[in-house]
Amino acid sequence: MKEEIIDGINYRLDENTLTAEVIPQEIAHEGDLVIPEIVVFQELSYCVTSIGDCAIYECPSLKSVIIGNSVTSIGEEAFGHCPLLRSVTFNGTIEQWGNVDLAFGWNDYVELVHCTDGDVEIR
């Protein structure tokens, strides 16, 4: 496995399974963030399947996040201490969102998840 920053997001890339996990990075995200379904590095395509513990942590000016429907797990404090982040968009259905493994305390402020077929209230 190796770590690479691709389009401003830090990933742990697994060459054996061709999967990617969003992991913490030094530079805080601002404004809007898109976590895609697929990232490409050195001509290999990796499916983004998880957002790790504290991956998008302490981003005081992060306002929105779009999560690709390939994500199947979101770690503890993944969106911790992001006070402007009140909702996220998940590019999948409510049923798919229901199958995402959400760690306890995956977020601090998110109240709503917008899915392709409706919204899910978090609090």
N, C-alpha and C. Protein backbone atom coordinates (compact mmCIF):
# COMPACT_ATOMS: atom_id res chain seq x y z
N MET A 1 0.84 -1.18 0.00
CA MET A 1 0.00 0.00 0.00
C MET A 1 0.88 1.24 0.00
N LYS A 2 0.32 2.28 -0.60
CA LYS A 2 1.06 3.54 -0.63
C LYS A 2 0.08 4.69 -0.44
N GLU A 3 0.60 5.81 -0.03
CA GLU A 3 -0.20 7.00 0.19
C GLU A 3 0.12 8.02 -0.89
N GLU A 4 -0.94 8.59 -1.46
CA GLU A 4 -0.77 9.59 -2.51
C GLU A 4 -1.86 10.63 -2.39
N ILE A 5 -1.51 11.88 -2.68
CA ILE A 5 -2.49 12.95 -2.76
C ILE A 5 -2.91 13.06 -4.22
N ILE A 6 -4.21 12.88 -4.46
CA ILE A 6 -4.76 12.94 -5.81
C ILE A 6 -5.89 13.96 -5.80
N ASP A 7 -5.80 14.97 -6.64
CA ASP A 7 -6.80 16.04 -6.70
C ASP A 7 -7.09 16.63 -5.32
N GLY A 8 -6.05 16.81 -4.52
CA GLY A 8 -6.17 17.47 -3.23
C GLY A 8 -6.65 16.61 -2.08
N ILE A 9 -6.83 15.31 -2.32
CA ILE A 9 -7.28 14.40 -1.26
C ILE A 9 -6.22 13.33 -1.06
N ASN A 10 -5.92 13.04 0.22
CA ASN A 10 -4.91 12.04 0.56
C ASN A 10 -5.57 10.65 0.60
N TYR A 11 -5.00 9.70 -0.14
CA TYR A 11 -5.53 8.34 -0.22
C TYR A 11 -4.47 7.32 0.17
N ARG A 12 -4.94 6.23 0.74
CA ARG A 12 -4.12 5.03 0.89
C ARG A 12 -4.58 4.09 -0.22
N LEU A 13 -3.66 3.78 -1.12
CA LEU A 13 -3.97 2.97 -2.30
C LEU A 13 -3.51 1.54 -2.10
N ASP A 14 -4.40 0.59 -2.35
CA ASP A 14 -4.08 -0.83 -2.24
C ASP A 14 -3.99 -1.40 -3.65
N GLU A 15 -2.78 -1.68 -4.09
CA GLU A 15 -2.57 -2.17 -5.46
C GLU A 15 -3.10 -3.59 -5.66
N ASN A 16 -3.23 -4.35 -4.58
CA ASN A 16 -3.74 -5.72 -4.70
C ASN A 16 -5.23 -5.76 -4.98
N THR A 17 -5.99 -4.92 -4.28
CA THR A 17 -7.44 -4.92 -4.44
C THR A 17 -7.94 -3.77 -5.31
N LEU A 18 -7.04 -2.87 -5.69
CA LEU A 18 -7.37 -1.67 -6.44
C LEU A 18 -8.47 -0.86 -5.76
N THR A 19 -8.30 -0.71 -4.44
CA THR A 19 -9.21 0.12 -3.65
C THR A 19 -8.43 1.27 -3.02
N ALA A 20 -9.17 2.31 -2.65
CA ALA A 20 -8.56 3.49 -2.05
C ALA A 20 -9.35 3.89 -0.81
N GLU A 21 -8.63 4.40 0.19
CA GLU A 21 -9.24 4.91 1.41
C GLU A 21 -8.81 6.35 1.59
N VAL A 22 -9.76 7.24 1.89
CA VAL A 22 -9.42 8.62 2.19
C VAL A 22 -8.82 8.64 3.59
N ILE A 23 -7.65 9.25 3.73
CA ILE A 23 -6.95 9.28 5.01
C ILE A 23 -6.59 10.73 5.36
N PRO A 24 -6.25 10.98 6.64
CA PRO A 24 -5.93 12.36 7.06
C PRO A 24 -4.75 12.96 6.29
N GLN A 25 -4.77 14.28 6.21
CA GLN A 25 -3.67 15.00 5.59
C GLN A 25 -3.42 16.28 6.33
N GLU A 26 -2.28 16.86 6.10
CA GLU A 26 -1.84 18.07 6.81
C GLU A 26 -2.67 19.30 6.45
N ILE A 27 -3.04 19.44 5.19
CA ILE A 27 -3.73 20.64 4.73
C ILE A 27 -5.23 20.45 4.88
N ALA A 28 -5.90 21.41 5.54
CA ALA A 28 -7.34 21.32 5.75
C ALA A 28 -8.10 21.64 4.47
N HIS A 29 -9.21 20.94 4.29
CA HIS A 29 -10.08 21.19 3.14
C HIS A 29 -10.95 22.41 3.43
N GLU A 30 -11.25 23.17 2.38
CA GLU A 30 -12.09 24.35 2.51
C GLU A 30 -13.19 24.30 1.47
N GLY A 31 -14.31 24.96 1.76
CA GLY A 31 -15.38 25.08 0.79
C GLY A 31 -16.09 23.78 0.51
N ASP A 32 -15.92 23.25 -0.71
CA ASP A 32 -16.60 22.04 -1.16
C ASP A 32 -15.58 20.94 -1.42
N LEU A 33 -15.97 19.72 -1.10
CA LEU A 33 -15.09 18.57 -1.29
C LEU A 33 -15.86 17.46 -1.99
N VAL A 34 -15.26 16.90 -3.04
CA VAL A 34 -15.87 15.78 -3.76
C VAL A 34 -14.98 14.56 -3.58
N ILE A 35 -15.56 13.51 -2.98
CA ILE A 35 -14.87 12.23 -2.85
C ILE A 35 -15.42 11.34 -3.95
N PRO A 36 -14.65 11.09 -5.00
CA PRO A 36 -15.17 10.38 -6.16
C PRO A 36 -15.29 8.88 -5.94
N GLU A 37 -15.94 8.22 -6.88
CA GLU A 37 -16.05 6.76 -6.83
C GLU A 37 -14.74 6.10 -7.24
N ILE A 38 -14.04 6.72 -8.19
CA ILE A 38 -12.81 6.16 -8.75
C ILE A 38 -11.73 7.24 -8.77
N VAL A 39 -10.50 6.88 -8.39
CA VAL A 39 -9.35 7.75 -8.57
C VAL A 39 -8.33 7.00 -9.43
N VAL A 40 -7.59 7.75 -10.21
CA VAL A 40 -6.59 7.14 -11.09
C VAL A 40 -5.22 7.63 -10.68
N PHE A 41 -4.29 6.68 -10.52
CA PHE A 41 -2.91 7.01 -10.19
C PHE A 41 -2.01 6.07 -10.98
N GLN A 42 -1.08 6.65 -11.72
CA GLN A 42 -0.13 5.90 -12.55
C GLN A 42 -0.85 4.85 -13.40
N GLU A 43 -1.88 5.32 -14.09
CA GLU A 43 -2.65 4.52 -15.05
C GLU A 43 -3.46 3.38 -14.44
N LEU A 44 -3.55 3.33 -13.11
CA LEU A 44 -4.40 2.34 -12.44
C LEU A 44 -5.61 3.04 -11.83
N SER A 45 -6.78 2.42 -11.95
CA SER A 45 -8.00 2.96 -11.38
C SER A 45 -8.28 2.27 -10.05
N TYR A 46 -8.54 3.07 -9.02
CA TYR A 46 -8.81 2.57 -7.68
C TYR A 46 -10.23 2.96 -7.29
N CYS A 47 -10.99 2.02 -6.78
CA CYS A 47 -12.34 2.27 -6.29
C CYS A 47 -12.24 2.82 -4.86
N VAL A 48 -12.82 3.99 -4.62
CA VAL A 48 -12.78 4.60 -3.30
C VAL A 48 -13.86 3.94 -2.45
N THR A 49 -13.45 3.11 -1.50
CA THR A 49 -14.40 2.32 -0.72
C THR A 49 -14.55 2.79 0.72
N SER A 50 -13.64 3.62 1.22
CA SER A 50 -13.77 4.03 2.62
C SER A 50 -13.20 5.42 2.87
N ILE A 51 -13.76 6.01 3.91
CA ILE A 51 -13.26 7.28 4.44
C ILE A 51 -12.79 6.95 5.84
N GLY A 52 -11.51 7.03 6.07
CA GLY A 52 -10.91 6.56 7.31
C GLY A 52 -11.15 7.45 8.52
N ASP A 53 -10.71 6.96 9.67
CA ASP A 53 -10.80 7.70 10.92
C ASP A 53 -10.12 9.07 10.77
N CYS A 54 -10.80 10.10 11.19
CA CYS A 54 -10.26 11.48 11.20
C CYS A 54 -9.78 11.94 9.82
N ALA A 55 -10.36 11.39 8.76
CA ALA A 55 -9.89 11.70 7.40
C ALA A 55 -10.09 13.17 7.03
N ILE A 56 -11.24 13.71 7.36
CA ILE A 56 -11.55 15.11 7.04
C ILE A 56 -11.83 15.79 8.38
N TYR A 57 -10.80 15.98 9.17
CA TYR A 57 -10.93 16.39 10.56
C TYR A 57 -10.47 17.82 10.76
N GLU A 58 -11.21 18.57 11.56
CA GLU A 58 -10.88 19.96 11.87
C GLU A 58 -10.75 20.82 10.62
N CYS A 59 -11.81 20.82 9.84
CA CYS A 59 -11.88 21.69 8.64
C CYS A 59 -12.93 22.75 8.91
N PRO A 60 -12.57 23.85 9.59
CA PRO A 60 -13.57 24.84 10.02
C PRO A 60 -14.28 25.55 8.88
N SER A 61 -13.75 25.52 7.67
CA SER A 61 -14.44 26.23 6.57
C SER A 61 -14.98 25.26 5.51
N LEU A 62 -15.01 23.97 5.81
CA LEU A 62 -15.58 22.99 4.87
C LEU A 62 -17.10 23.11 4.92
N LYS A 63 -17.72 23.34 3.75
CA LYS A 63 -19.16 23.59 3.70
C LYS A 63 -19.97 22.43 3.12
N SER A 64 -19.39 21.69 2.19
CA SER A 64 -20.15 20.59 1.62
C SER A 64 -19.22 19.45 1.20
N VAL A 65 -19.79 18.25 1.24
CA VAL A 65 -19.06 17.06 0.83
C VAL A 65 -19.99 16.22 -0.03
N ILE A 66 -19.46 15.78 -1.16
CA ILE A 66 -20.17 14.83 -2.02
C ILE A 66 -19.39 13.53 -1.94
N ILE A 67 -20.10 12.45 -1.60
CA ILE A 67 -19.47 11.14 -1.42
C ILE A 67 -19.96 10.20 -2.52
N GLY A 68 -19.02 9.59 -3.24
CA GLY A 68 -19.38 8.62 -4.27
C GLY A 68 -20.04 7.40 -3.67
N ASN A 69 -20.92 6.75 -4.43
CA ASN A 69 -21.66 5.62 -3.89
C ASN A 69 -20.84 4.34 -3.77
N SER A 70 -19.56 4.41 -4.10
CA SER A 70 -18.68 3.26 -3.91
C SER A 70 -18.20 3.15 -2.46
N VAL A 71 -18.39 4.21 -1.68
CA VAL A 71 -17.95 4.21 -0.27
C VAL A 71 -18.86 3.29 0.54
N THR A 72 -18.24 2.34 1.23
CA THR A 72 -18.99 1.37 2.03
C THR A 72 -18.70 1.50 3.52
N SER A 73 -17.74 2.36 3.90
CA SER A 73 -17.49 2.58 5.33
C SER A 73 -16.95 3.98 5.56
N ILE A 74 -17.37 4.53 6.71
CA ILE A 74 -16.91 5.85 7.13
C ILE A 74 -16.44 5.71 8.58
N GLY A 75 -15.19 6.08 8.83
CA GLY A 75 -14.56 5.87 10.13
C GLY A 75 -14.92 6.88 11.19
N GLU A 76 -14.44 6.59 12.39
CA GLU A 76 -14.68 7.44 13.56
C GLU A 76 -14.11 8.84 13.34
N GLU A 77 -14.91 9.85 13.66
CA GLU A 77 -14.50 11.25 13.52
C GLU A 77 -14.06 11.59 12.09
N ALA A 78 -14.55 10.86 11.12
CA ALA A 78 -14.17 11.11 9.72
C ALA A 78 -14.43 12.56 9.33
N PHE A 79 -15.55 13.11 9.80
CA PHE A 79 -15.90 14.51 9.54
C PHE A 79 -16.00 15.27 10.86
N GLY A 80 -15.10 14.97 11.77
CA GLY A 80 -15.12 15.59 13.09
C GLY A 80 -14.64 17.03 13.07
N HIS A 81 -15.26 17.86 13.88
CA HIS A 81 -14.87 19.26 14.07
C HIS A 81 -14.92 20.05 12.76
N CYS A 82 -15.97 19.83 11.98
CA CYS A 82 -16.22 20.61 10.76
C CYS A 82 -17.55 21.33 10.98
N PRO A 83 -17.55 22.47 11.70
CA PRO A 83 -18.79 23.10 12.15
C PRO A 83 -19.72 23.61 11.05
N LEU A 84 -19.21 23.90 9.87
CA LEU A 84 -20.08 24.39 8.79
C LEU A 84 -20.68 23.25 7.96
N LEU A 85 -20.23 22.04 8.21
CA LEU A 85 -20.70 20.89 7.44
C LEU A 85 -21.96 20.32 8.11
N ARG A 86 -23.12 20.79 7.64
CA ARG A 86 -24.40 20.38 8.22
C ARG A 86 -25.08 19.27 7.43
N SER A 87 -24.67 19.10 6.17
CA SER A 87 -25.24 18.02 5.36
C SER A 87 -24.18 17.51 4.39
N VAL A 88 -24.34 16.28 3.96
CA VAL A 88 -23.48 15.71 2.93
C VAL A 88 -24.38 15.14 1.83
N THR A 89 -23.82 15.00 0.66
CA THR A 89 -24.53 14.39 -0.45
C THR A 89 -23.88 13.05 -0.73
N PHE A 90 -24.70 12.02 -0.79
CA PHE A 90 -24.24 10.66 -1.10
C PHE A 90 -24.82 10.30 -2.46
N ASN A 91 -23.95 10.01 -3.42
CA ASN A 91 -24.39 9.71 -4.78
C ASN A 91 -24.90 8.28 -4.92
N GLY A 92 -25.78 7.92 -4.04
CA GLY A 92 -26.41 6.61 -4.05
C GLY A 92 -27.80 6.74 -3.45
N THR A 93 -28.49 5.62 -3.33
CA THR A 93 -29.85 5.62 -2.81
C THR A 93 -29.85 5.59 -1.28
N ILE A 94 -31.03 5.80 -0.72
CA ILE A 94 -31.19 5.70 0.73
C ILE A 94 -30.83 4.28 1.18
N GLU A 95 -31.21 3.29 0.40
CA GLU A 95 -30.88 1.90 0.75
C GLU A 95 -29.37 1.69 0.76
N GLN A 96 -28.66 2.22 -0.23
CA GLN A 96 -27.20 2.10 -0.26
C GLN A 96 -26.58 2.81 0.94
N TRP A 97 -27.10 4.00 1.29
CA TRP A 97 -26.59 4.72 2.46
C TRP A 97 -26.79 3.87 3.71
N GLY A 98 -27.91 3.20 3.80
CA GLY A 98 -28.19 2.35 4.95
C GLY A 98 -27.21 1.20 5.10
N ASN A 99 -26.55 0.82 4.01
CA ASN A 99 -25.58 -0.26 4.04
C ASN A 99 -24.15 0.21 4.31
N VAL A 100 -23.96 1.52 4.38
CA VAL A 100 -22.62 2.06 4.68
C VAL A 100 -22.34 1.83 6.16
N ASP A 101 -21.18 1.25 6.45
CA ASP A 101 -20.76 1.00 7.83
C ASP A 101 -20.28 2.32 8.42
N LEU A 102 -21.07 2.89 9.33
CA LEU A 102 -20.75 4.18 9.94
C LEU A 102 -20.21 3.95 11.34
N ALA A 103 -18.98 4.38 11.57
CA ALA A 103 -18.39 4.26 12.90
C ALA A 103 -19.09 5.22 13.86
N PHE A 104 -19.09 4.88 15.13
CA PHE A 104 -19.64 5.76 16.14
C PHE A 104 -18.92 7.11 16.06
N GLY A 105 -19.69 8.19 16.07
CA GLY A 105 -19.09 9.53 16.05
C GLY A 105 -18.44 9.86 14.72
N TRP A 106 -18.97 9.34 13.62
CA TRP A 106 -18.37 9.61 12.31
C TRP A 106 -18.43 11.08 11.93
N ASN A 107 -19.33 11.84 12.59
CA ASN A 107 -19.42 13.27 12.32
C ASN A 107 -19.81 13.99 13.60
N ASP A 108 -19.64 15.30 13.60
CA ASP A 108 -20.04 16.12 14.74
C ASP A 108 -21.27 16.97 14.44
N TYR A 109 -21.40 17.47 13.22
CA TYR A 109 -22.41 18.47 12.91
C TYR A 109 -23.40 18.07 11.81
N VAL A 110 -23.11 17.04 11.05
CA VAL A 110 -23.98 16.65 9.94
C VAL A 110 -25.35 16.25 10.47
N GLU A 111 -26.38 16.86 9.89
CA GLU A 111 -27.75 16.59 10.29
C GLU A 111 -28.56 15.88 9.22
N LEU A 112 -28.07 15.94 7.96
CA LEU A 112 -28.85 15.43 6.84
C LEU A 112 -27.92 14.84 5.78
N VAL A 113 -28.33 13.71 5.23
CA VAL A 113 -27.62 13.12 4.10
C VAL A 113 -28.58 13.13 2.91
N HIS A 114 -28.17 13.81 1.84
CA HIS A 114 -28.97 13.87 0.62
C HIS A 114 -28.58 12.67 -0.25
N CYS A 115 -29.54 11.82 -0.54
CA CYS A 115 -29.32 10.67 -1.42
C CYS A 115 -30.05 10.92 -2.74
N THR A 116 -29.81 10.07 -3.72
CA THR A 116 -30.43 10.27 -5.03
C THR A 116 -31.94 10.13 -5.00
N ASP A 117 -32.47 9.42 -4.00
CA ASP A 117 -33.93 9.21 -3.94
C ASP A 117 -34.58 9.79 -2.68
N GLY A 118 -33.88 10.69 -2.01
CA GLY A 118 -34.45 11.33 -0.82
C GLY A 118 -33.39 11.66 0.20
N ASP A 119 -33.83 12.13 1.35
CA ASP A 119 -32.91 12.56 2.41
C ASP A 119 -33.02 11.66 3.63
N VAL A 120 -31.92 11.57 4.37
CA VAL A 120 -31.87 10.81 5.61
C VAL A 120 -31.47 11.77 6.71
N GLU A 121 -32.29 11.88 7.76
CA GLU A 121 -31.96 12.71 8.90
C GLU A 121 -31.00 11.94 9.82
N ILE A 122 -29.97 12.62 10.28
CA ILE A 122 -28.95 11.99 11.12
C ILE A 122 -29.26 12.21 12.60
N ARG A 123 -29.78 13.35 12.97
CA ARG A 123 -30.03 13.64 14.39
C ARG A 123 -31.50 13.62 14.68
